[in-house]
C-alpha atoms as a PDB file:
ATOM      1  CA  UNK A   1      48.328  -8.166  96.828  1.00  0.00           C
ATOM      2  CA  UNK A   2      48.852 -10.160  99.999  1.00  0.00           C
ATOM      3  CA  UNK A   3      51.915  -9.792 102.213  1.00  0.00           C
ATOM      4  CA  UNK A   4      53.599 -13.003 100.998  1.00  0.00           C
ATOM      5  CA  UNK A   5      53.212 -12.155  97.315  1.00  0.00           C
ATOM      6  CA  UNK A   6      54.443  -8.635  97.919  1.00  0.00           C
ATOM      7  CA  UNK A   7      57.543  -9.848  99.764  1.00  0.00           C
ATOM      8  CA  UNK A   8      58.311 -12.427  97.050  1.00  0.00           C
ATOM      9  CA  UNK A   9      57.917  -9.836  94.309  1.00  0.00           C
ATOM     10  CA  UNK A  10      60.195  -7.369  96.128  1.00  0.00           C
ATOM     11  CA  UNK A  11      62.815 -10.099  96.632  1.00  0.00           C
ATOM     12  CA  UNK A  12      62.748 -11.106  92.992  1.00  0.00           C
ATOM     13  CA  UNK A  13      63.175  -7.499  91.887  1.00  0.00           C
ATOM     14  CA  UNK A  14      66.050  -7.023  94.338  1.00  0.00           C
ATOM     15  CA  UNK A  15      67.819 -10.165  93.057  1.00  0.00           C
ATOM     16  CA  UNK A  16      67.646  -8.838  89.503  1.00  0.00           C
ATOM     17  CA  UNK A  17      69.131  -5.484  90.562  1.00  0.00           C
ATOM     18  CA  UNK A  18      71.794  -6.875  92.876  1.00  0.00           C
ATOM     19  CA  UNK A  19      75.385  -7.471  91.838  1.00  0.00           C
ATOM     20  CA  UNK A  20      76.406 -11.148  92.025  1.00  0.00           C
ATOM     21  CA  UNK A  21      78.719 -10.535  94.990  1.00  0.00           C
ATOM     22  CA  UNK A  22      75.845  -8.995  96.984  1.00  0.00           C
ATOM     23  CA  UNK A  23      73.353 -11.780  96.227  1.00  0.00           C
ATOM     24  CA  UNK A  24      74.192 -13.894  99.305  1.00  0.00           C
ATOM     25  CA  UNK A  25      73.490 -10.915 101.558  1.00  0.00           C
ATOM     26  CA  UNK A  26      70.192 -10.321  99.751  1.00  0.00           C
ATOM     27  CA  UNK A  27      69.189 -13.975 100.150  1.00  0.00           C
ATOM     28  CA  UNK A  28      70.142 -13.945 103.855  1.00  0.00           C
ATOM     29  CA  UNK A  29      68.098 -10.822 104.451  1.00  0.00           C
ATOM     30  CA  UNK A  30      65.067 -12.251 102.647  1.00  0.00           C
ATOM     31  CA  UNK A  31      65.311 -15.581 104.479  1.00  0.00           C
ATOM     32  CA  UNK A  32      65.523 -13.864 107.896  1.00  0.00           C
ATOM     33  CA  UNK A  33      62.575 -11.596 107.144  1.00  0.00           C
ATOM     34  CA  UNK A  34      60.477 -14.451 105.688  1.00  0.00           C
ATOM     35  CA  UNK A  35      61.177 -16.666 108.690  1.00  0.00           C
ATOM     36  CA  UNK A  36      60.331 -13.849 111.093  1.00  0.00           C
ATOM     37  CA  UNK A  37      57.102 -12.995 109.315  1.00  0.00           C
ATOM     38  CA  UNK A  38      55.828 -16.478 108.456  1.00  0.00           C
ATOM     39  CA  UNK A  39      57.860 -18.993 110.460  1.00  0.00           C
ATOM     40  CA  UNK A  40      58.173 -21.483 107.631  1.00  0.00           C
ATOM     41  CA  UNK A  41      59.603 -21.659 104.124  1.00  0.00           C
ATOM     42  CA  UNK A  42      56.859 -24.054 102.955  1.00  0.00           C
ATOM     43  CA  UNK A  43      54.719 -21.387 101.226  1.00  0.00           C
ATOM     44  CA  UNK A  44      57.647 -20.219  99.089  1.00  0.00           C
ATOM     45  CA  UNK A  45      57.607 -21.015  95.377  1.00  0.00           C
ATOM     46  CA  UNK A  46      59.896 -23.984  94.592  1.00  0.00           C
ATOM     47  CA  UNK A  47      62.547 -21.882  92.817  1.00  0.00           C
ATOM     48  CA  UNK A  48      62.903 -19.505  95.764  1.00  0.00           C
ATOM     49  CA  UNK A  49      62.792 -22.386  98.258  1.00  0.00           C
ATOM     50  CA  UNK A  50      65.750 -24.020  96.435  1.00  0.00           C
ATOM     51  CA  UNK A  51      67.649 -20.731  96.423  1.00  0.00           C
ATOM     52  CA  UNK A  52      67.185 -20.268 100.183  1.00  0.00           C
ATOM     53  CA  UNK A  53      67.986 -23.948 100.858  1.00  0.00           C
ATOM     54  CA  UNK A  54      71.167 -23.746  98.785  1.00  0.00           C
ATOM     55  CA  UNK A  55      72.276 -20.620 100.664  1.00  0.00           C
ATOM     56  CA  UNK A  56      71.467 -22.257 104.010  1.00  0.00           C
ATOM     57  CA  UNK A  57      73.586 -25.290 103.112  1.00  0.00           C
ATOM     58  CA  UNK A  58      76.351 -23.004 101.857  1.00  0.00           C
ATOM     59  CA  UNK A  59      76.697 -21.240 105.203  1.00  0.00           C
ATOM     60  CA  UNK A  60      76.037 -24.286 107.343  1.00  0.00           C
ATOM     61  CA  UNK A  61      72.493 -23.550 108.531  1.00  0.00           C
ATOM     62  CA  UNK A  62      71.462 -27.049 107.532  1.00  0.00           C
ATOM     63  CA  UNK A  63      72.959 -30.475 106.880  1.00  0.00           C
ATOM     64  CA  UNK A  64      70.397 -31.357 104.199  1.00  0.00           C
ATOM     65  CA  UNK A  65      71.476 -31.983 100.639  1.00  0.00           C
ATOM     66  CA  UNK A  66      70.195 -29.334  98.288  1.00  0.00           C
END
């Protein structure tokens, strides 16, 4: 399994295990690690890209509509 697929799979498992109140922290951590490792969110699957974009808009990282 390549590094991207492994990271996506670990994130999806973590989201399933995480309490709803801890989800934003989990998303932030994943987004920071993904950006550090790959520099772009383009290779993310659409559902995860929307999740990260929504969180980014929620905390003011972007002005784009989600």
